Amino acid sequence: MTGAEIVERCRERDPATAPSTVYRTLDMVEDLGLVRYGHGADGREEYHVRPVDEHGHLYCEGCGRRWELGDPIVRRFVSHIERENRFTVDLSHLTLVGRCADCGSSTAGRKPPSGHG
């Protein structure tokens, strides 16, 4: 969920909820390790309940659906990157963008890769 979505949900219960209170609380529960802050494929902020296992995300640029990549798959992928590049990957920001099987054959609305046409 985004911070704005959490504020909206809080305001359903208490219309006087201040966004600053929600964000301070999110910062605190993140410090406690209960949630993880990250960014989605579209660049928006996201808060996730801290999973037991590390995971990444898949994002379909065609339909906007999202999937979680489980620990075994992500660990193999990331360990190769870390070994080859001597680089530590922060999985809270790992989102692979592409097209799902349903959208795969359709190129309508597809954005060109950044830095190109």
PDB file of N, CA and C in Angstrom:
ATOM      1  N   MET A   1       0.839  -1.185   0.000  1.00  0.00           N
ATOM      2  CA  MET A   1       0.000   0.000   0.000  1.00  0.00           C
ATOM      3  C   MET A   1       0.879   1.241   0.000  1.00  0.00           C
ATOM      4  N   THR A   2       0.354   2.304  -0.537  1.00  0.00           N
ATOM      5  CA  THR A   2       1.071   3.573  -0.470  1.00  0.00           C
ATOM      6  C   THR A   2       0.713   4.279   0.839  1.00  0.00           C
ATOM      7  N   GLY A   3       1.519   5.252   1.208  1.00  0.00           N
ATOM      8  CA  GLY A   3       1.217   6.048   2.389  1.00  0.00           C
ATOM      9  C   GLY A   3      -0.129   6.740   2.257  1.00  0.00           C
ATOM     10  N   ALA A   4      -0.427   7.244   1.067  1.00  0.00           N
ATOM     11  CA  ALA A   4      -1.703   7.927   0.838  1.00  0.00           C
ATOM     12  C   ALA A   4      -2.883   6.970   1.023  1.00  0.00           C
ATOM     13  N   GLU A   5      -2.724   5.726   0.580  1.00  0.00           N
ATOM     14  CA  GLU A   5      -3.789   4.738   0.766  1.00  0.00           C
ATOM     15  C   GLU A   5      -3.994   4.428   2.242  1.00  0.00           C
ATOM     16  N   ILE A   6      -2.906   4.382   2.996  1.00  0.00           N
ATOM     17  CA  ILE A   6      -3.016   4.129   4.430  1.00  0.00           C
ATOM     18  C   ILE A   6      -3.697   5.306   5.122  1.00  0.00           C
ATOM     19  N   VAL A   7      -3.344   6.528   4.731  1.00  0.00           N
ATOM     20  CA  VAL A   7      -4.003   7.719   5.290  1.00  0.00           C
ATOM     21  C   VAL A   7      -5.502   7.651   4.998  1.00  0.00           C
ATOM     22  N   GLU A   8      -5.851   7.297   3.773  1.00  0.00           N
ATOM     23  CA  GLU A   8      -7.257   7.214   3.373  1.00  0.00           C
ATOM     24  C   GLU A   8      -8.008   6.188   4.225  1.00  0.00           C
ATOM     25  N   ARG A   9      -7.386   5.036   4.443  1.00  0.00           N
ATOM     26  CA  ARG A   9      -8.024   4.000   5.273  1.00  0.00           C
ATOM     27  C   ARG A   9      -8.192   4.463   6.706  1.00  0.00           C
ATOM     28  N   CYS A  10      -7.185   5.155   7.226  1.00  0.00           N
ATOM     29  CA  CYS A  10      -7.286   5.676   8.593  1.00  0.00           C
ATOM     30  C   CYS A  10      -8.411   6.694   8.695  1.00  0.00           C
ATOM     31  N   ARG A  11      -8.551   7.517   7.679  1.00  0.00           N
ATOM     32  CA  ARG A  11      -9.591   8.554   7.696  1.00  0.00           C
ATOM     33  C   ARG A  11     -10.998   7.968   7.581  1.00  0.00           C
ATOM     34  N   GLU A  12     -11.103   6.727   7.087  1.00  0.00           N
ATOM     35  CA  GLU A  12     -12.413   6.056   7.083  1.00  0.00           C
ATOM     36  C   GLU A  12     -12.871   5.808   8.518  1.00  0.00           C
ATOM     37  N   ARG A  13     -11.913   5.562   9.408  1.00  0.00           N
ATOM     38  CA  ARG A  13     -12.229   5.327  10.821  1.00  0.00           C
ATOM     39  C   ARG A  13     -12.265   6.627  11.608  1.00  0.00           C
ATOM     40  N   ASP A  14     -11.352   7.547  11.279  1.00  0.00           N
ATOM     41  CA  ASP A  14     -11.258   8.824  11.985  1.00  0.00           C
ATOM     42  C   ASP A  14     -10.929   9.907  10.970  1.00  0.00           C
ATOM     43  N   PRO A  15     -11.928  10.661  10.525  1.00  0.00           N
ATOM     44  CA  PRO A  15     -11.717  11.687   9.499  1.00  0.00           C
ATOM     45  C   PRO A  15     -10.693  12.753   9.878  1.00  0.00           C
ATOM     46  N   ALA A  16     -10.364  12.887  11.154  1.00  0.00           N
ATOM     47  CA  ALA A  16      -9.411  13.905  11.597  1.00  0.00           C
ATOM     48  C   ALA A  16      -7.958  13.422  11.525  1.00  0.00           C
ATOM     49  N   THR A  17      -7.726  12.231  11.012  1.00  0.00           N
ATOM     50  CA  THR A  17      -6.369  11.687  10.950  1.00  0.00           C
ATOM     51  C   THR A  17      -5.468  12.598  10.119  1.00  0.00           C
ATOM     52  N   ALA A  18      -4.339  12.972  10.694  1.00  0.00           N
ATOM     53  CA  ALA A  18      -3.373  13.824   9.991  1.00  0.00           C
ATOM     54  C   ALA A  18      -2.360  12.947   9.254  1.00  0.00           C
ATOM     55  N   PRO A  19      -2.077  13.270   7.988  1.00  0.00           N
ATOM     56  CA  PRO A  19      -1.076  12.490   7.250  1.00  0.00           C
ATOM     57  C   PRO A  19       0.268  12.419   7.969  1.00  0.00           C
ATOM     58  N   SER A  20       0.662  13.498   8.637  1.00  0.00           N
ATOM     59  CA  SER A  20       1.956  13.489   9.330  1.00  0.00           C
ATOM     60  C   SER A  20       1.991  12.426  10.420  1.00  0.00           C
ATOM     61  N   THR A  21       0.873  12.207  11.094  1.00  0.00           N
ATOM     62  CA  THR A  21       0.795  11.178  12.132  1.00  0.00           C
ATOM     63  C   THR A  21       0.984   9.793  11.513  1.00  0.00           C
ATOM     64  N   VAL A  22       0.336   9.570  10.377  1.00  0.00           N
ATOM     65  CA  VAL A  22       0.443   8.272   9.694  1.00  0.00           C
ATOM     66  C   VAL A  22       1.881   8.029   9.262  1.00  0.00           C
ATOM     67  N   TYR A  23       2.514   9.016   8.655  1.00  0.00           N
ATOM     68  CA  TYR A  23       3.891   8.840   8.168  1.00  0.00           C
ATOM     69  C   TYR A  23       4.889   8.671   9.321  1.00  0.00           C
ATOM     70  N   ARG A  24       4.684   9.398  10.426  1.00  0.00           N
ATOM     71  CA  ARG A  24       5.558   9.204  11.591  1.00  0.00           C
ATOM     72  C   ARG A  24       5.401   7.785  12.138  1.00  0.00           C
ATOM     73  N   THR A  25       4.170   7.302  12.164  1.00  0.00           N
ATOM     74  CA  THR A  25       3.912   5.940  12.643  1.00  0.00           C
ATOM     75  C   THR A  25       4.543   4.920  11.701  1.00  0.00           C
ATOM     76  N   LEU A  26       4.426   5.141  10.396  1.00  0.00           N
ATOM     77  CA  LEU A  26       5.055   4.232   9.428  1.00  0.00           C
ATOM     78  C   LEU A  26       6.571   4.215   9.607  1.00  0.00           C
ATOM     79  N   ASP A  27       7.169   5.373   9.834  1.00  0.00           N
ATOM     80  CA  ASP A  27       8.614   5.433  10.090  1.00  0.00           C
ATOM     81  C   ASP A  27       8.976   4.611  11.323  1.00  0.00           C
ATOM     82  N   MET A  28       8.157   4.716  12.365  1.00  0.00           N
ATOM     83  CA  MET A  28       8.433   4.002  13.600  1.00  0.00           C
ATOM     84  C   MET A  28       8.307   2.489  13.405  1.00  0.00           C
ATOM     85  N   VAL A  29       7.245   2.041  12.745  1.00  0.00           N
ATOM     86  CA  VAL A  29       7.082   0.593  12.575  1.00  0.00           C
ATOM     87  C   VAL A  29       8.100   0.039  11.573  1.00  0.00           C
ATOM     88  N   GLU A  30       8.596   0.889  10.681  1.00  0.00           N
ATOM     89  CA  GLU A  30       9.685   0.461   9.807  1.00  0.00           C
ATOM     90  C   GLU A  30      10.969   0.290  10.625  1.00  0.00           C
ATOM     91  N   ASP A  31      11.240   1.236  11.519  1.00  0.00           N
ATOM     92  CA  ASP A  31      12.409   1.129  12.397  1.00  0.00           C
ATOM     93  C   ASP A  31      12.344  -0.135  13.260  1.00  0.00           C
ATOM     94  N   LEU A  32      11.139  -0.549  13.624  1.00  0.00           N
ATOM     95  CA  LEU A  32      10.952  -1.758  14.419  1.00  0.00           C
ATOM     96  C   LEU A  32      11.051  -3.031  13.569  1.00  0.00           C
ATOM     97  N   GLY A  33      11.111  -2.845  12.251  1.00  0.00           N
ATOM     98  CA  GLY A  33      11.229  -3.994  11.360  1.00  0.00           C
ATOM     99  C   GLY A  33       9.914  -4.657  11.003  1.00  0.00           C
ATOM    100  N   LEU A  34       8.801  -3.969  11.243  1.00  0.00           N
ATOM    101  CA  LEU A  34       7.493  -4.560  10.970  1.00  0.00           C
ATOM    102  C   LEU A  34       7.000  -4.300   9.555  1.00  0.00           C
ATOM    103  N   VAL A  35       7.422  -3.194   8.961  1.00  0.00           N
ATOM    104  CA  VAL A  35       7.085  -2.899   7.569  1.00  0.00           C
ATOM    105  C   VAL A  35       8.358  -2.523   6.832  1.00  0.00           C
ATOM    106  N   ARG A  36       8.280  -2.602   5.536  1.00  0.00           N
ATOM    107  CA  ARG A  36       9.423  -2.227   4.701  1.00  0.00           C
ATOM    108  C   ARG A  36       8.933  -1.215   3.671  1.00  0.00           C
ATOM    109  N   TYR A  37       9.693  -0.148   3.551  1.00  0.00           N
ATOM    110  CA  TYR A  37       9.402   0.904   2.571  1.00  0.00           C
ATOM    111  C   TYR A  37      10.129   0.569   1.278  1.00  0.00           C
ATOM    112  N   GLY A  38       9.471   0.798   0.166  1.00  0.00           N
ATOM    113  CA  GLY A  38      10.094   0.571  -1.124  1.00  0.00           C
ATOM    114  C   GLY A  38       9.380   1.382  -2.188  1.00  0.00           C
ATOM    115  N   HIS A  39       9.722   1.095  -3.428  1.00  0.00           N
ATOM    116  CA  HIS A  39       9.107   1.775  -4.561  1.00  0.00           C
ATOM    117  C   HIS A  39       8.594   0.748  -5.548  1.00  0.00           C
ATOM    118  N   GLY A  40       7.439   1.022  -6.118  1.00  0.00           N
ATOM    119  CA  GLY A  40       6.892   0.158  -7.157  1.00  0.00           C
ATOM    120  C   GLY A  40       7.519   0.483  -8.494  1.00  0.00           C
ATOM    121  N   ALA A  41       7.141  -0.275  -9.503  1.00  0.00           N
ATOM    122  CA  ALA A  41       7.686  -0.080 -10.843  1.00  0.00           C
ATOM    123  C   ALA A  41       7.359   1.299 -11.397  1.00  0.00           C
ATOM    124  N   ASP A  42       6.255   1.865 -10.944  1.00  0.00           N
ATOM    125  CA  ASP A  42       5.859   3.191 -11.414  1.00  0.00           C
ATOM    126  C   ASP A  42       6.506   4.301 -10.595  1.00  0.00           C
ATOM    127  N   GLY A  43       7.376   3.930  -9.649  1.00  0.00           N
ATOM    128  CA  GLY A  43       8.087   4.912  -8.843  1.00  0.00           C
ATOM    129  C   GLY A  43       7.367   5.345  -7.590  1.00  0.00           C
ATOM    130  N   ARG A  44       6.135   4.908  -7.415  1.00  0.00           N
ATOM    131  CA  ARG A  44       5.401   5.349  -6.227  1.00  0.00           C
ATOM    132  C   ARG A  44       5.892   4.611  -4.993  1.00  0.00           C
ATOM    133  N   GLU A  45       5.743   5.280  -3.849  1.00  0.00           N
ATOM    134  CA  GLU A  45       6.132   4.684  -2.578  1.00  0.00           C
ATOM    135  C   GLU A  45       5.224   3.507  -2.262  1.00  0.00           C
ATOM    136  N   GLU A  46       5.772   2.531  -1.583  1.00  0.00           N
ATOM    137  CA  GLU A  46       4.974   1.398  -1.141  1.00  0.00           C
ATOM    138  C   GLU A  46       5.461   0.956   0.230  1.00  0.00           C
ATOM    139  N   TYR A  47       4.537   0.512   1.038  1.00  0.00           N
ATOM    140  CA  TYR A  47       4.856  -0.077   2.325  1.00  0.00           C
ATOM    141  C   TYR A  47       4.356  -1.511   2.301  1.00  0.00           C
ATOM    142  N   HIS A  48       5.213  -2.427   2.711  1.00  0.00           N
ATOM    143  CA  HIS A  48       4.866  -3.843   2.756  1.00  0.00           C
ATOM    144  C   HIS A  48       5.057  -4.328   4.178  1.00  0.00           C
ATOM    145  N   VAL A  49       4.131  -5.183   4.626  1.00  0.00           N
ATOM    146  CA  VAL A  49       4.354  -5.847   5.900  1.00  0.00           C
ATOM    147  C   VAL A  49       5.608  -6.673   5.709  1.00  0.00           C
ATOM    148  N   ARG A  50       6.538  -6.556   6.617  1.00  0.00           N
ATOM    149  CA  ARG A  50       7.836  -7.212   6.470  1.00  0.00           C
ATOM    150  C   ARG A  50       7.639  -8.720   6.378  1.00  0.00           C
ATOM    151  N   PRO A  51       8.053  -9.288   5.274  1.00  0.00           N
ATOM    152  CA  PRO A  51       7.860 -10.729   5.096  1.00  0.00           C
ATOM    153  C   PRO A  51       8.881 -11.531   5.910  1.00  0.00           C
ATOM    154  N   VAL A  52       8.537 -12.793   6.131  1.00  0.00           N
ATOM    155  CA  VAL A  52       9.464 -13.695   6.793  1.00  0.00           C
ATOM    156  C   VAL A  52      10.645 -13.935   5.862  1.00  0.00           C
ATOM    157  N   ASP A  53      10.353 -14.120   4.568  1.00  0.00           N
ATOM    158  CA  ASP A  53      11.388 -14.344   3.565  1.00  0.00           C
ATOM    159  C   ASP A  53      11.556 -13.099   2.713  1.00  0.00           C
ATOM    160  N   GLU A  54      12.767 -12.880   2.230  1.00  0.00           N
ATOM    161  CA  GLU A  54      13.013 -11.780   1.301  1.00  0.00           C
ATOM    162  C   GLU A  54      12.290 -12.094   0.001  1.00  0.00           C
ATOM    163  N   HIS A  55      11.879 -11.055  -0.695  1.00  0.00           N
ATOM    164  CA  HIS A  55      11.209 -11.277  -1.969  1.00  0.00           C
ATOM    165  C   HIS A  55      11.341 -10.044  -2.851  1.00  0.00           C
ATOM    166  N   GLY A  56      11.135 -10.256  -4.125  1.00  0.00           N
ATOM    167  CA  GLY A  56      11.103  -9.164  -5.086  1.00  0.00           C
ATOM    168  C   GLY A  56       9.709  -9.112  -5.696  1.00  0.00           C
ATOM    169  N   HIS A  57       9.557  -8.317  -6.726  1.00  0.00           N
ATOM    170  CA  HIS A  57       8.252  -8.158  -7.363  1.00  0.00           C
ATOM    171  C   HIS A  57       8.369  -8.218  -8.875  1.00  0.00           C
ATOM    172  N   LEU A  58       7.316  -8.701  -9.502  1.00  0.00           N
ATOM    173  CA  LEU A  58       7.154  -8.623 -10.947  1.00  0.00           C
ATOM    174  C   LEU A  58       6.024  -7.639 -11.194  1.00  0.00           C
ATOM    175  N   TYR A  59       6.170  -6.824 -12.231  1.00  0.00           N
ATOM    176  CA  TYR A  59       5.144  -5.835 -12.557  1.00  0.00           C
ATOM    177  C   TYR A  59       4.893  -5.882 -14.057  1.00  0.00           C
ATOM    178  N   CYS A  60       3.632  -6.089 -14.456  1.00  0.00           N
ATOM    179  CA  CYS A  60       3.278  -6.106 -15.874  1.00  0.00           C
ATOM    180  C   CYS A  60       2.944  -4.693 -16.320  1.00  0.00           C
ATOM    181  N   GLU A  61       3.743  -4.179 -17.262  1.00  0.00           N
ATOM    182  CA  GLU A  61       3.496  -2.821 -17.751  1.00  0.00           C
ATOM    183  C   GLU A  61       2.286  -2.763 -18.669  1.00  0.00           C
ATOM    184  N   GLY A  62       1.755  -3.929 -19.070  1.00  0.00           N
ATOM    185  CA  GLY A  62       0.560  -3.958 -19.902  1.00  0.00           C
ATOM    186  C   GLY A  62      -0.711  -3.758 -19.108  1.00  0.00           C
ATOM    187  N   CYS A  63      -0.915  -4.600 -18.096  1.00  0.00           N
ATOM    188  CA  CYS A  63      -2.167  -4.568 -17.333  1.00  0.00           C
ATOM    189  C   CYS A  63      -2.011  -4.027 -15.914  1.00  0.00           C
ATOM    190  N   GLY A  64      -0.765  -3.863 -15.455  1.00  0.00           N
ATOM    191  CA  GLY A  64      -0.535  -3.315 -14.125  1.00  0.00           C
ATOM    192  C   GLY A  64      -0.587  -4.333 -12.992  1.00  0.00           C
ATOM    193  N   ARG A  65      -0.773  -5.612 -13.316  1.00  0.00           N
ATOM    194  CA  ARG A  65      -0.787  -6.619 -12.254  1.00  0.00           C
ATOM    195  C   ARG A  65       0.597  -6.759 -11.645  1.00  0.00           C
ATOM    196  N   ARG A  66       0.624  -7.210 -10.388  1.00  0.00           N
ATOM    197  CA  ARG A  66       1.866  -7.377  -9.640  1.00  0.00           C
ATOM    198  C   ARG A  66       1.887  -8.766  -9.025  1.00  0.00           C
ATOM    199  N   TRP A  67       3.092  -9.329  -8.948  1.00  0.00           N
ATOM    200  CA  TRP A  67       3.307 -10.617  -8.313  1.00  0.00           C
ATOM    201  C   TRP A  67       4.518 -10.510  -7.410  1.00  0.00           C
ATOM    202  N   GLU A  68       4.550 -11.345  -6.383  1.00  0.00           N
ATOM    203  CA  GLU A  68       5.737 -11.427  -5.541  1.00  0.00           C
ATOM    204  C   GLU A  68       6.606 -12.573  -6.035  1.00  0.00           C
ATOM    205  N   LEU A  69       7.904 -12.348  -6.037  1.00  0.00           N
ATOM    206  CA  LEU A  69       8.876 -13.394  -6.343  1.00  0.00           C
ATOM    207  C   LEU A  69       9.381 -13.933  -5.009  1.00  0.00           C
ATOM    208  N   GLY A  70       9.219 -15.211  -4.784  1.00  0.00           N
ATOM    209  CA  GLY A  70       9.612 -15.818  -3.521  1.00  0.00           C
ATOM    210  C   GLY A  70      11.113 -15.878  -3.320  1.00  0.00           C
ATOM    211  N   ASP A  71      11.499 -16.113  -2.088  1.00  0.00           N
ATOM    212  CA  ASP A  71      12.893 -16.112  -1.676  1.00  0.00           C
ATOM    213  C   ASP A  71      13.807 -17.015  -2.500  1.00  0.00           C
ATOM    214  N   PRO A  72      13.463 -18.285  -2.752  1.00  0.00           N
ATOM    215  CA  PRO A  72      14.433 -19.129  -3.477  1.00  0.00           C
ATOM    216  C   PRO A  72      14.783 -18.583  -4.862  1.00  0.00           C
ATOM    217  N   ILE A  73      13.795 -18.103  -5.591  1.00  0.00           N
ATOM    218  CA  ILE A  73      14.030 -17.568  -6.941  1.00  0.00           C
ATOM    219  C   ILE A  73      14.865 -16.300  -6.867  1.00  0.00           C
ATOM    220  N   VAL A  74      14.467 -15.389  -6.004  1.00  0.00           N
ATOM    221  CA  VAL A  74      15.159 -14.111  -5.878  1.00  0.00           C
ATOM    222  C   VAL A  74      16.578 -14.314  -5.368  1.00  0.00           C
ATOM    223  N   ARG A  75      16.761 -15.184  -4.396  1.00  0.00           N
ATOM    224  CA  ARG A  75      18.092 -15.424  -3.830  1.00  0.00           C
ATOM    225  C   ARG A  75      19.055 -15.898  -4.914  1.00  0.00           C
ATOM    226  N   ARG A  76      18.628 -16.833  -5.769  1.00  0.00           N
ATOM    227  CA  ARG A  76      19.514 -17.323  -6.839  1.00  0.00           C
ATOM    228  C   ARG A  76      19.873 -16.188  -7.794  1.00  0.00           C
ATOM    229  N   PHE A  77      18.915 -15.425  -8.183  1.00  0.00           N
ATOM    230  CA  PHE A  77      19.112 -14.310  -9.109  1.00  0.00           C
ATOM    231  C   PHE A  77      20.047 -13.263  -8.500  1.00  0.00           C
ATOM    232  N   VAL A  78      19.742 -12.849  -7.282  1.00  0.00           N
ATOM    233  CA  VAL A  78      20.499 -11.799  -6.615  1.00  0.00           C
ATOM    234  C   VAL A  78      21.911 -12.270  -6.267  1.00  0.00           C
ATOM    235  N   SER A  79      22.064 -13.516  -5.853  1.00  0.00           N
ATOM    236  CA  SER A  79      23.398 -13.986  -5.476  1.00  0.00           C
ATOM    237  C   SER A  79      24.342 -13.937  -6.671  1.00  0.00           C
ATOM    238  N   HIS A  80      23.827 -14.206  -7.862  1.00  0.00           N
ATOM    239  CA  HIS A  80      24.654 -14.103  -9.068  1.00  0.00           C
ATOM    240  C   HIS A  80      25.095 -12.648  -9.286  1.00  0.00           C
ATOM    241  N   ILE A  81      24.175 -11.721  -9.180  1.00  0.00           N
ATOM    242  CA  ILE A  81      24.491 -10.296  -9.346  1.00  0.00           C
ATOM    243  C   ILE A  81      25.513  -9.858  -8.302  1.00  0.00           C
ATOM    244  N   GLU A  82      25.303 -10.261  -7.068  1.00  0.00           N
ATOM    245  CA  GLU A  82      26.202  -9.854  -5.989  1.00  0.00           C
ATOM    246  C   GLU A  82      27.610 -10.430  -6.188  1.00  0.00           C
ATOM    247  N   ARG A  83      27.684 -11.688  -6.591  1.00  0.00           N
ATOM    248  CA  ARG A  83      28.979 -12.330  -6.813  1.00  0.00           C
ATOM    249  C   ARG A  83      29.728 -11.693  -7.975  1.00  0.00           C
ATOM    250  N   GLU A  84      29.049 -11.532  -9.091  1.00  0.00           N
ATOM    251  CA  GLU A  84      29.681 -11.015 -10.308  1.00  0.00           C
ATOM    252  C   GLU A  84      30.074  -9.543 -10.201  1.00  0.00           C
ATOM    253  N   ASN A  85      29.321  -8.775  -9.430  1.00  0.00           N
ATOM    254  CA  ASN A  85      29.531  -7.326  -9.372  1.00  0.00           C
ATOM    255  C   ASN A  85      30.037  -6.827  -8.026  1.00  0.00           C
ATOM    256  N   ARG A  86      30.217  -7.748  -7.084  1.00  0.00           N
ATOM    257  CA  ARG A  86      30.623  -7.346  -5.736  1.00  0.00           C
ATOM    258  C   ARG A  86      29.740  -6.195  -5.256  1.00  0.00           C
ATOM    259  N   PHE A  87      28.451  -6.477  -5.230  1.00  0.00           N
ATOM    260  CA  PHE A  87      27.423  -5.467  -4.986  1.00  0.00           C
ATOM    261  C   PHE A  87      26.322  -6.109  -4.146  1.00  0.00           C
ATOM    262  N   THR A  88      25.871  -5.428  -3.098  1.00  0.00           N
ATOM    263  CA  THR A  88      24.793  -5.941  -2.271  1.00  0.00           C
ATOM    264  C   THR A  88      23.470  -5.359  -2.731  1.00  0.00           C
ATOM    265  N   VAL A  89      22.528  -6.225  -3.046  1.00  0.00           N
ATOM    266  CA  VAL A  89      21.220  -5.812  -3.560  1.00  0.00           C
ATOM    267  C   VAL A  89      20.239  -5.626  -2.404  1.00  0.00           C
ATOM    268  N   ASP A  90      19.505  -4.529  -2.432  1.00  0.00           N
ATOM    269  CA  ASP A  90      18.436  -4.262  -1.470  1.00  0.00           C
ATOM    270  C   ASP A  90      17.146  -4.770  -2.101  1.00  0.00           C
ATOM    271  N   LEU A  91      16.656  -5.906  -1.623  1.00  0.00           N
ATOM    272  CA  LEU A  91      15.474  -6.524  -2.225  1.00  0.00           C
ATOM    273  C   LEU A  91      14.203  -5.705  -2.040  1.00  0.00           C
ATOM    274  N   SER A  92      14.193  -4.766  -1.121  1.00  0.00           N
ATOM    275  CA  SER A  92      12.987  -3.962  -0.952  1.00  0.00           C
ATOM    276  C   SER A  92      12.738  -3.083  -2.167  1.00  0.00           C
ATOM    277  N   HIS A  93      13.743  -2.941  -3.014  1.00  0.00           N
ATOM    278  CA  HIS A  93      13.589  -2.114  -4.204  1.00  0.00           C
ATOM    279  C   HIS A  93      13.678  -2.924  -5.489  1.00  0.00           C
ATOM    280  N   LEU A  94      13.598  -4.259  -5.385  1.00  0.00           N
ATOM    281  CA  LEU A  94      13.719  -5.097  -6.572  1.00  0.00           C
ATOM    282  C   LEU A  94      12.349  -5.310  -7.207  1.00  0.00           C
ATOM    283  N   THR A  95      12.122  -4.670  -8.334  1.00  0.00           N
ATOM    284  CA  THR A  95      10.907  -4.862  -9.108  1.00  0.00           C
ATOM    285  C   THR A  95      11.321  -5.055 -10.557  1.00  0.00           C
ATOM    286  N   LEU A  96      10.957  -6.200 -11.111  1.00  0.00           N
ATOM    287  CA  LEU A  96      11.247  -6.480 -12.515  1.00  0.00           C
ATOM    288  C   LEU A  96      10.011  -6.137 -13.333  1.00  0.00           C
ATOM    289  N   VAL A  97      10.205  -5.302 -14.333  1.00  0.00           N
ATOM    290  CA  VAL A  97       9.107  -4.826 -15.168  1.00  0.00           C
ATOM    291  C   VAL A  97       9.130  -5.576 -16.486  1.00  0.00           C
ATOM    292  N   GLY A  98       7.983  -6.001 -16.919  1.00  0.00           N
ATOM    293  CA  GLY A  98       7.866  -6.710 -18.193  1.00  0.00           C
ATOM    294  C   GLY A  98       6.409  -6.852 -18.558  1.00  0.00           C
ATOM    295  N   ARG A  99       6.081  -7.961 -19.215  1.00  0.00           N
ATOM    296  CA  ARG A  99       4.711  -8.209 -19.638  1.00  0.00           C
ATOM    297  C   ARG A  99       4.319  -9.630 -19.266  1.00  0.00           C
ATOM    298  N   CYS A 100       3.123  -9.776 -18.712  1.00  0.00           N
ATOM    299  CA  CYS A 100       2.624 -11.092 -18.343  1.00  0.00           C
ATOM    300  C   CYS A 100       2.222 -11.860 -19.604  1.00  0.00           C
ATOM    301  N   ALA A 101       1.900 -13.134 -19.441  1.00  0.00           N
ATOM    302  CA  ALA A 101       1.527 -13.968 -20.589  1.00  0.00           C
ATOM    303  C   ALA A 101       0.300 -13.410 -21.305  1.00  0.00           C
ATOM    304  N   ASP A 102      -0.666 -12.876 -20.561  1.00  0.00           N
ATOM    305  CA  ASP A 102      -1.867 -12.323 -21.180  1.00  0.00           C
ATOM    306  C   ASP A 102      -1.567 -11.085 -22.016  1.00  0.00           C
ATOM    307  N   CYS A 103      -0.596 -10.302 -21.611  1.00  0.00           N
ATOM    308  CA  CYS A 103      -0.250  -9.059 -22.314  1.00  0.00           C
ATOM    309  C   CYS A 103       0.938  -9.239 -23.255  1.00  0.00           C
ATOM    310  N   GLY A 104       1.609 -10.351 -23.195  1.00  0.00           N
ATOM    311  CA  GLY A 104       2.856 -10.579 -23.922  1.00  0.00           C
ATOM    312  C   GLY A 104       2.810 -10.335 -25.403  1.00  0.00           C
ATOM    313  N   SER A 105       1.727 -10.737 -26.065  1.00  0.00           N
ATOM    314  CA  SER A 105       1.671 -10.586 -27.519  1.00  0.00           C
ATOM    315  C   SER A 105       1.197  -9.208 -27.942  1.00  0.00           C
ATOM    316  N   SER A 106       0.653  -8.444 -26.989  1.00  0.00           N
ATOM    317  CA  SER A 106       0.155  -7.106 -27.302  1.00  0.00           C
ATOM    318  C   SER A 106       1.239  -6.073 -27.069  1.00  0.00           C
ATOM    319  N   THR A 107       1.458  -5.205 -28.030  1.00  0.00           N
ATOM    320  CA  THR A 107       2.429  -4.119 -27.856  1.00  0.00           C
ATOM    321  C   THR A 107       1.736  -2.773 -27.738  1.00  0.00           C
ATOM    322  N   ALA A 108       0.402  -2.765 -27.768  1.00  0.00           N
ATOM    323  CA  ALA A 108      -0.332  -1.506 -27.659  1.00  0.00           C
ATOM    324  C   ALA A 108      -0.054  -0.864 -26.311  1.00  0.00           C
ATOM    325  N   GLY A 109       0.243   0.389 -26.321  1.00  0.00           N
ATOM    326  CA  GLY A 109       0.489   1.140 -25.102  1.00  0.00           C
ATOM    327  C   GLY A 109       1.838   0.867 -24.469  1.00  0.00           C
ATOM    328  N   ARG A 110       2.669   0.115 -25.140  1.00  0.00           N
ATOM    329  CA  ARG A 110       3.987  -0.221 -24.588  1.00  0.00           C
ATOM    330  C   ARG A 110       4.911   0.977 -24.698  1.00  0.00           C
ATOM    331  N   LYS A 111       5.586   1.283 -23.619  1.00  0.00           N
ATOM    332  CA  LYS A 111       6.518   2.408 -23.600  1.00  0.00           C
ATOM    333  C   LYS A 111       7.870   1.963 -24.116  1.00  0.00           C
ATOM    334  N   PRO A 112       8.555   2.814 -24.884  1.00  0.00           N
ATOM    335  CA  PRO A 112       9.907   2.443 -25.293  1.00  0.00           C
ATOM    336  C   PRO A 112      10.827   2.454 -24.093  1.00  0.00           C
ATOM    337  N   PRO A 113      11.915   1.666 -24.108  1.00  0.00           N
ATOM    338  CA  PRO A 113      12.848   1.684 -22.993  1.00  0.00           C
ATOM    339  C   PRO A 113      13.391   3.089 -22.781  1.00  0.00           C
ATOM    340  N   SER A 114      13.685   3.430 -21.524  1.00  0.00           N
ATOM    341  CA  SER A 114      14.200   4.778 -21.249  1.00  0.00           C
ATOM    342  C   SER A 114      15.498   4.994 -22.006  1.00  0.00           C
ATOM    343  N   GLY A 115      15.653   6.209 -22.489  1.00  0.00           N
ATOM    344  CA  GLY A 115      16.839   6.557 -23.264  1.00  0.00           C
ATOM    345  C   GLY A 115      16.681   6.283 -24.742  1.00  0.00           C
ATOM    346  N   HIS A 116      15.538   5.748 -25.135  1.00  0.00           N
ATOM    347  CA  HIS A 116      15.278   5.473 -26.550  1.00  0.00           C
ATOM    348  C   HIS A 116      14.014   6.197 -26.983  1.00  0.00           C
ATOM    349  N   GLY A 117      13.934   6.549 -28.263  1.00  0.00           N
ATOM    350  CA  GLY A 117      12.840   7.179 -28.968  1.00  0.00           C
ATOM    351  C   GLY A 117      11.719   7.560 -28.164  1.00  0.00           C
TER     352      GLY A 117
END
